[in-house]
Amino acid sequence: MKIILVDDDCLALEGISRMLHWERFSGKLSGCAASGREAIELIEEKKPDVVISDICMPDVDGLELSRYLFENCPDTRMILISGHSEFEYAQRALQYHVTDYILKPITRAKLNSLEERLIAIQSELSADVPPWYAGDESLRMRVSEALHKGDMAAMGELLISDEVSGSLSDRKDVLGIQLLNYLFSYQEELGKDRSSLDAMRQKAMTAYWRLSTQRERLAYLAAQYYDLMEYAQEQKAEYAHPIVSYCLKAIQENYTDSNFNISNLADSLHLSLSYLSTVFKNVTGQNISSYLSARRLNHAQALLRDPSIAIRDICFASGYDNPQYFAKFFKKHTGMTPSEYRNLYAAGNVSDLIGEENSL
């Protein structure tokens, strides 16, 4: 497994290189770089499997390097080294599928955790699995079984087992991320929007990293899993009704199409609009037209977080065919125009205003 180390501090590079037990993870040091720009040249030449980089560097920093890998070398894993004071900045790299963080100061215990993560990555590479997959197959299967069965007792036993709770104290950077990744993978199975899940994942990772004790981390993971399992049970109850199941699937597949509406959905079922609305409301507790609108607005919010996408394009990509109507409708239900939402989100002063499962 080829590895590149990146840090503008030559002593730090030497220390990590010397202290890692390379034979544990079949690692080979393919080169060291003193800047992000130098690292990019080295990456293009060596094609490494893993890049371990400090986040705070002049010129091209660790975050920009993460973005470069995400866009140009999606199979290369990225591990960032960050100081506590830089963490608010470091968390943004989650959108670039950074594999892990090591928080300064670097200790022997943290290097041990890093080696365990590199061992897992080596196993992933051998199995030819995607780079976002974090790897204990046995654990993943046990978690997946508990989630699909809705078995909270089994999930609780797993979380308090030595395998999990006994390892969180010194492996939170490995095990906690594994468990959170499993959680969001399952939510994607339930049909949740991928762009919304990415934002939720970033928020969850941020909250998790701010916790300092084993008890806090375990309680946080348990709450995340139990909330999801309750939600999944509610969804299964909705899906048990064939008409509602059909509607939810149709909305999921077509909400970005401006020609799709509740009237043609009712027509496709050969039902009156009033009857369809009544059935949907009785089963889900939500108005079907409001559910569709919330789905579209939630998608629009997710796209507005990316300043490179024109608001006019976001309008059409969210199932609206009139930018003026879109802006008016967005302001009515969020209290601000799309431009205002984008600016406030960029400043970190706004969160989701419309939940995708909530009525308007």
Protein backbone atom coordinates (compact mmCIF):
# COMPACT_ATOMS: atom_id res chain seq x y z
CA MET A 1 0.00 0.00 0.00
CA LYS A 2 1.60 3.24 -1.19
CA ILE A 3 1.44 6.21 1.19
CA ILE A 4 2.43 9.87 0.83
CA LEU A 5 3.00 12.13 3.85
CA VAL A 6 2.39 15.89 3.56
CA ASP A 7 3.38 18.55 6.11
CA ASP A 8 5.26 21.83 5.95
CA ASP A 9 6.97 20.86 9.21
CA CYS A 10 9.88 18.56 8.26
CA LEU A 11 10.24 17.36 11.86
CA ALA A 12 6.61 16.25 11.91
CA LEU A 13 7.11 14.34 8.66
CA GLU A 14 10.18 12.62 10.03
CA GLY A 15 8.44 11.79 13.32
CA ILE A 16 5.39 10.16 11.73
CA SER A 17 7.51 8.31 9.19
CA ARG A 18 9.82 6.95 11.88
CA MET A 19 7.14 6.02 14.43
CA LEU A 20 4.71 4.18 12.17
CA HIS A 21 5.01 0.39 12.12
CA TRP A 22 4.80 0.12 8.33
CA GLU A 23 4.87 -3.66 8.28
CA ARG A 24 1.56 -3.83 10.19
CA PHE A 25 -0.39 -2.53 7.22
CA SER A 26 1.97 -3.53 4.39
CA GLY A 27 2.78 0.12 3.90
CA LYS A 28 5.39 1.72 1.71
CA LEU A 29 6.37 5.39 1.97
CA SER A 30 6.16 6.64 -1.61
CA GLY A 31 7.29 10.16 -0.80
CA CYS A 32 7.00 13.22 1.42
CA ALA A 33 5.82 16.69 0.42
CA ALA A 34 6.29 20.00 2.23
CA SER A 35 3.27 21.70 0.65
CA GLY A 36 -0.05 20.87 -0.95
CA ARG A 37 1.18 21.97 -4.36
CA GLU A 38 4.22 19.72 -4.08
CA ALA A 39 1.93 16.92 -2.90
CA ILE A 40 -0.25 17.18 -6.02
CA GLU A 41 2.80 16.73 -8.23
CA LEU A 42 3.87 13.75 -6.14
CA ILE A 43 0.37 12.24 -6.23
CA GLU A 44 0.23 12.51 -10.02
CA GLU A 45 3.59 10.75 -10.26
CA LYS A 46 3.23 8.04 -7.58
CA LYS A 47 -0.55 7.30 -7.64
CA PRO A 48 -0.69 6.56 -3.88
CA ASP A 49 -3.37 4.58 -2.10
CA VAL A 50 -3.38 6.90 0.92
CA VAL A 51 -2.39 10.53 1.54
CA ILE A 52 -1.79 11.64 5.13
CA SER A 53 -1.65 15.42 5.31
CA ASP A 54 -1.58 18.29 7.78
CA ILE A 55 -4.54 20.58 7.20
CA CYS A 56 -2.85 23.91 7.88
CA MET A 57 -0.26 24.70 5.20
CA PRO A 58 0.56 27.72 3.05
CA ASP A 59 -0.38 27.85 -0.61
CA VAL A 60 -2.50 24.70 -1.13
CA ASP A 61 -3.77 23.56 2.30
CA GLY A 62 -5.09 20.19 3.43
CA LEU A 63 -8.69 21.04 2.59
CA GLU A 64 -7.83 22.06 -0.96
CA LEU A 65 -5.73 18.92 -1.29
CA SER A 66 -8.75 16.88 -0.11
CA ARG A 67 -10.86 18.50 -2.78
CA TYR A 68 -8.23 17.75 -5.43
CA LEU A 69 -8.24 14.06 -4.47
CA PHE A 70 -12.04 13.95 -4.36
CA GLU A 71 -12.30 15.38 -7.88
CA ASN A 72 -9.28 13.74 -9.52
CA CYS A 73 -8.30 10.61 -7.54
CA PRO A 74 -11.53 9.24 -6.00
CA ASP A 75 -9.89 5.90 -5.11
CA THR A 76 -7.16 7.53 -3.01
CA ARG A 77 -7.92 7.71 0.71
CA MET A 78 -7.28 10.99 2.53
CA ILE A 79 -6.39 11.27 6.23
CA LEU A 80 -6.05 14.76 7.70
CA ILE A 81 -4.01 15.91 10.67
CA SER A 82 -5.64 18.83 12.46
CA GLY A 83 -5.06 21.00 15.50
CA HIS A 84 -8.01 21.54 17.83
CA SER A 85 -8.15 25.22 16.91
CA GLU A 86 -8.53 24.28 13.24
CA PHE A 87 -11.32 21.76 13.68
CA GLU A 88 -14.18 24.04 12.58
CA TYR A 89 -12.26 24.40 9.36
CA ALA A 90 -11.35 20.72 9.13
CA GLN A 91 -14.94 19.50 9.38
CA ARG A 92 -15.70 21.04 5.98
CA ALA A 93 -13.54 18.35 4.41
CA LEU A 94 -16.23 15.78 5.21
CA GLN A 95 -17.90 16.65 1.91
CA TYR A 96 -14.76 15.39 0.19
CA HIS A 97 -15.09 11.96 1.87
CA VAL A 98 -12.02 12.35 4.05
CA THR A 99 -11.40 8.93 5.58
CA ASP A 100 -10.21 10.05 9.00
CA TYR A 101 -8.79 12.77 11.22
CA ILE A 102 -5.90 12.73 13.63
CA LEU A 103 -6.11 15.51 16.19
CA LYS A 104 -2.92 17.11 17.42
CA PRO A 105 -0.87 16.62 19.47
CA ILE A 106 0.15 13.32 17.88
CA THR A 107 0.59 10.65 20.55
CA ARG A 108 1.59 7.01 20.42
CA ALA A 109 -2.03 6.04 21.11
CA LYS A 110 -3.21 8.11 18.14
CA LEU A 111 -0.58 6.58 15.91
CA ASN A 112 -1.80 3.15 17.03
CA SER A 113 -5.31 4.17 15.94
CA LEU A 114 -3.91 5.43 12.66
CA GLU A 115 -2.21 2.09 12.09
CA GLU A 116 -5.49 0.28 12.77
CA ARG A 117 -7.21 2.49 10.22
CA LEU A 118 -4.46 1.80 7.68
CA ILE A 119 -4.84 -1.94 8.32
CA ALA A 120 -8.57 -1.57 7.58
CA ILE A 121 -7.82 0.39 4.40
CA GLN A 122 -5.40 -2.32 3.28
CA SER A 123 -8.18 -4.87 3.77
CA GLU A 124 -10.58 -2.68 1.78
CA LEU A 125 -8.10 -2.34 -1.05
CA SER A 126 -7.58 -6.09 -1.12
CA ALA A 127 -11.34 -6.61 -1.28
CA ASP A 128 -11.77 -3.90 -3.93
CA VAL A 129 -14.48 -2.00 -2.02
CA PRO A 130 -15.34 1.71 -2.41
CA PRO A 131 -13.15 4.29 -0.62
CA TRP A 132 -15.97 5.52 1.62
CA TYR A 133 -16.48 2.07 3.08
CA ALA A 134 -14.99 1.71 6.54
CA GLY A 135 -14.16 -1.72 7.22
CA ASP A 136 -15.06 -4.33 9.77
CA GLU A 137 -17.29 -6.67 7.77
CA SER A 138 -18.46 -8.66 10.80
CA LEU A 139 -19.50 -5.49 12.63
CA ARG A 140 -21.20 -4.10 9.53
CA MET A 141 -23.26 -7.27 9.12
CA ARG A 142 -24.37 -7.23 12.77
CA VAL A 143 -25.37 -3.58 12.56
CA SER A 144 -27.18 -4.13 9.25
CA GLU A 145 -29.12 -7.09 10.66
CA ALA A 146 -30.26 -5.14 13.70
CA LEU A 147 -31.31 -2.16 11.58
CA HIS A 148 -33.26 -4.19 9.03
CA LYS A 149 -35.05 -6.15 11.77
CA GLY A 150 -35.70 -3.00 13.81
CA ASP A 151 -34.21 -4.90 16.76
CA MET A 152 -33.36 -2.19 19.30
CA ALA A 153 -32.43 -4.77 21.92
CA ALA A 154 -29.79 -6.30 19.64
CA MET A 155 -28.52 -2.84 18.73
CA GLY A 156 -28.28 -1.92 22.41
CA GLU A 157 -26.36 -5.09 23.23
CA LEU A 158 -23.93 -4.37 20.40
CA LEU A 159 -23.31 -0.79 21.52
CA ILE A 160 -22.53 -1.77 25.11
CA SER A 161 -20.39 -4.75 24.09
CA ASP A 162 -16.64 -4.66 24.65
CA GLU A 163 -16.25 -4.70 20.87
CA VAL A 164 -17.81 -1.23 20.69
CA SER A 165 -17.94 0.54 24.05
CA GLY A 166 -14.61 -0.91 25.11
CA SER A 167 -12.94 0.50 22.02
CA LEU A 168 -14.42 4.00 21.80
CA SER A 169 -12.03 5.46 24.35
CA ASP A 170 -9.00 5.24 22.06
CA ARG A 171 -10.53 4.41 18.65
CA LYS A 172 -13.21 7.06 18.21
CA ASP A 173 -11.59 8.19 14.98
CA VAL A 174 -12.02 4.70 13.53
CA LEU A 175 -14.96 2.96 15.15
CA GLY A 176 -17.26 5.96 15.59
CA ILE A 177 -16.87 6.93 11.95
CA GLN A 178 -17.57 3.33 10.95
CA LEU A 179 -20.81 3.30 12.91
CA LEU A 180 -21.95 6.68 11.62
CA ASN A 181 -21.20 5.63 8.04
CA TYR A 182 -23.32 2.49 8.50
CA LEU A 183 -26.11 4.69 9.86
CA PHE A 184 -26.22 6.97 6.83
CA SER A 185 -25.85 4.13 4.36
CA TYR A 186 -29.01 2.62 5.82
CA GLN A 187 -30.83 5.94 5.57
CA GLU A 188 -29.99 6.00 1.88
CA GLU A 189 -31.59 2.55 1.61
CA LEU A 190 -34.75 4.08 3.09
CA GLY A 191 -34.91 6.49 0.15
CA LYS A 192 -33.61 9.67 1.76
CA ASP A 193 -32.12 12.25 -0.56
CA ARG A 194 -28.34 11.78 -1.00
CA SER A 195 -27.47 15.47 -0.94
CA SER A 196 -29.46 15.95 2.25
CA LEU A 197 -27.79 12.92 3.79
CA ASP A 198 -24.35 14.35 3.02
CA ALA A 199 -25.25 17.50 4.95
CA MET A 200 -26.72 15.46 7.82
CA ARG A 201 -23.61 13.27 7.89
CA GLN A 202 -21.37 16.31 8.12
CA LYS A 203 -23.44 17.67 11.01
CA ALA A 204 -23.36 14.31 12.82
CA MET A 205 -19.61 13.91 12.38
CA THR A 206 -19.06 17.42 13.71
CA ALA A 207 -21.16 16.75 16.78
CA TYR A 208 -19.43 13.43 17.39
CA TRP A 209 -15.94 14.91 17.17
CA ARG A 210 -16.79 17.56 19.77
CA LEU A 211 -17.49 14.89 22.39
CA SER A 212 -14.61 14.17 24.72
CA THR A 213 -15.55 11.12 26.80
CA GLN A 214 -16.38 7.51 26.05
CA ARG A 215 -19.77 7.83 27.76
CA GLU A 216 -20.72 10.88 25.68
CA ARG A 217 -19.69 9.22 22.45
CA LEU A 218 -21.59 6.03 23.24
CA ALA A 219 -24.73 7.96 24.24
CA TYR A 220 -24.56 9.99 21.03
CA LEU A 221 -24.24 6.90 18.83
CA ALA A 222 -27.07 5.16 20.68
CA ALA A 223 -29.39 8.16 20.26
CA GLN A 224 -28.60 8.36 16.54
CA TYR A 225 -29.33 4.67 16.01
CA TYR A 226 -32.49 4.52 18.13
CA ASP A 227 -33.95 7.63 16.45
CA LEU A 228 -33.29 6.11 13.03
CA MET A 229 -34.83 2.78 13.98
CA GLU A 230 -37.99 4.49 15.24
CA TYR A 231 -38.17 6.44 11.98
CA ALA A 232 -37.68 3.25 9.95
CA GLN A 233 -40.53 1.56 11.79
CA GLU A 234 -42.80 4.51 10.99
CA GLN A 235 -41.78 4.31 7.35
CA LYS A 236 -42.53 0.59 7.21
CA ALA A 237 -46.01 1.27 8.58
CA GLU A 238 -46.58 3.81 5.80
CA TYR A 239 -45.22 1.49 3.15
CA ALA A 240 -47.60 -1.25 4.33
CA HIS A 241 -50.43 0.65 2.59
CA PRO A 242 -50.09 -0.05 -1.17
CA ILE A 243 -51.47 3.31 -2.33
CA VAL A 244 -49.20 5.29 0.01
CA SER A 245 -46.26 3.08 -0.91
CA TYR A 246 -46.86 3.82 -4.60
CA CYS A 247 -47.16 7.58 -3.94
CA LEU A 248 -43.99 7.79 -1.87
CA LYS A 249 -42.02 5.92 -4.51
CA ALA A 250 -43.46 8.03 -7.33
CA ILE A 251 -42.64 11.28 -5.50
CA GLN A 252 -39.11 10.06 -4.75
CA GLU A 253 -38.51 9.27 -8.43
CA ASN A 254 -40.24 12.30 -10.00
CA TYR A 255 -40.21 15.29 -7.65
CA THR A 256 -37.50 17.06 -9.71
CA ASP A 257 -39.73 16.94 -12.81
CA SER A 258 -41.81 20.12 -13.11
CA ASN A 259 -44.45 18.21 -15.10
CA PHE A 260 -45.06 15.88 -12.17
CA ASN A 261 -47.94 16.84 -9.87
CA ILE A 262 -50.48 15.30 -7.55
CA SER A 263 -53.24 15.37 -10.15
CA ASN A 264 -51.37 13.19 -12.64
CA LEU A 265 -50.30 10.95 -9.75
CA ALA A 266 -53.98 10.42 -8.92
CA ASP A 267 -54.72 9.78 -12.60
CA SER A 268 -52.01 7.12 -12.77
CA LEU A 269 -53.76 5.31 -9.91
CA HIS A 270 -57.24 5.84 -11.48
CA LEU A 271 -58.31 7.57 -8.27
CA SER A 272 -59.91 10.93 -7.62
CA LEU A 273 -57.57 13.56 -6.24
CA SER A 274 -59.72 14.03 -3.15
CA TYR A 275 -59.71 10.30 -2.36
CA LEU A 276 -55.96 10.01 -2.86
CA SER A 277 -55.37 13.03 -0.60
CA THR A 278 -57.58 11.56 2.11
CA VAL A 279 -55.84 8.17 2.06
CA PHE A 280 -52.38 9.73 2.15
CA LYS A 281 -53.36 12.05 5.00
CA ASN A 282 -54.94 9.26 7.06
CA VAL A 283 -51.89 6.98 6.75
CA THR A 284 -49.05 9.48 7.02
CA GLY A 285 -50.58 12.40 8.87
CA GLN A 286 -49.38 14.70 6.09
CA ASN A 287 -51.01 16.46 3.18
CA ILE A 288 -49.71 14.90 -0.04
CA SER A 289 -49.25 18.19 -1.90
CA SER A 290 -47.39 19.62 1.08
CA TYR A 291 -45.21 16.52 1.20
CA LEU A 292 -44.28 16.98 -2.47
CA SER A 293 -43.58 20.69 -1.97
CA ALA A 294 -41.43 19.98 1.11
CA ARG A 295 -39.47 17.42 -0.88
CA ARG A 296 -38.79 19.97 -3.60
CA LEU A 297 -37.87 22.78 -1.21
CA ASN A 298 -35.57 20.48 0.75
CA HIS A 299 -33.79 19.58 -2.49
CA ALA A 300 -33.54 23.26 -3.42
CA GLN A 301 -31.97 24.07 -0.05
CA ALA A 302 -29.37 21.38 -0.55
CA LEU A 303 -28.45 22.76 -3.99
CA LEU A 304 -28.34 26.35 -2.73
CA ARG A 305 -25.44 25.38 -0.47
CA ASP A 306 -23.30 25.10 -3.59
CA PRO A 307 -22.56 28.66 -4.79
CA SER A 308 -21.41 27.35 -8.20
CA ILE A 309 -24.99 26.43 -9.17
CA ALA A 310 -27.09 29.29 -10.55
CA ILE A 311 -30.37 29.87 -8.71
CA ARG A 312 -32.26 29.68 -12.01
CA ASP A 313 -30.79 26.20 -12.58
CA ILE A 314 -31.72 25.19 -9.01
CA CYS A 315 -35.31 26.23 -9.74
CA PHE A 316 -35.57 23.86 -12.70
CA ALA A 317 -33.62 21.07 -10.93
CA SER A 318 -36.05 21.18 -8.00
CA GLY A 319 -39.23 20.64 -10.00
CA TYR A 320 -40.25 24.26 -10.68
CA ASP A 321 -40.62 25.73 -14.17
CA ASN A 322 -40.88 29.42 -13.21
CA PRO A 323 -37.99 31.14 -11.36
CA GLN A 324 -40.23 33.98 -10.14
CA TYR A 325 -42.77 31.55 -8.70
CA PHE A 326 -39.96 29.49 -7.18
CA ALA A 327 -38.47 32.54 -5.43
CA LYS A 328 -41.89 33.62 -4.14
CA PHE A 329 -42.80 30.13 -2.92
CA PHE A 330 -39.39 29.64 -1.31
CA LYS A 331 -39.70 32.92 0.61
CA LYS A 332 -43.25 32.11 1.71
CA HIS A 333 -42.18 28.89 3.37
CA THR A 334 -38.69 29.77 4.60
CA GLY A 335 -39.01 33.49 5.30
CA MET A 336 -36.19 34.41 2.93
CA THR A 337 -35.38 34.47 -0.76
CA PRO A 338 -33.13 31.78 -2.27
CA SER A 339 -30.29 34.32 -2.46
CA GLU A 340 -30.71 35.26 1.19
CA TYR A 341 -30.73 31.61 2.20
CA ARG A 342 -27.53 30.97 0.22
CA ASN A 343 -25.75 33.93 1.80
CA LEU A 344 -26.82 33.07 5.33
CA TYR A 345 -25.83 29.43 4.87
CA ALA A 346 -22.39 30.47 3.59
CA ALA A 347 -22.00 32.59 6.74
CA GLY A 348 -23.00 29.62 8.92
CA ASN A 349 -26.15 31.34 10.20
CA VAL A 350 -28.87 29.07 8.84
CA SER A 351 -29.74 25.37 8.92
CA ASP A 352 -32.44 23.35 7.16
CA LEU A 353 -35.79 25.10 7.34
CA ILE A 354 -37.86 22.41 5.67
CA GLY A 355 -37.44 18.78 6.70
CA GLU A 356 -37.96 16.46 3.77
CA GLU A 357 -40.42 14.35 5.75
CA ASN A 358 -42.31 17.37 7.17
CA SER A 359 -45.42 19.12 5.95
CA LEU A 360 -45.44 22.78 5.01
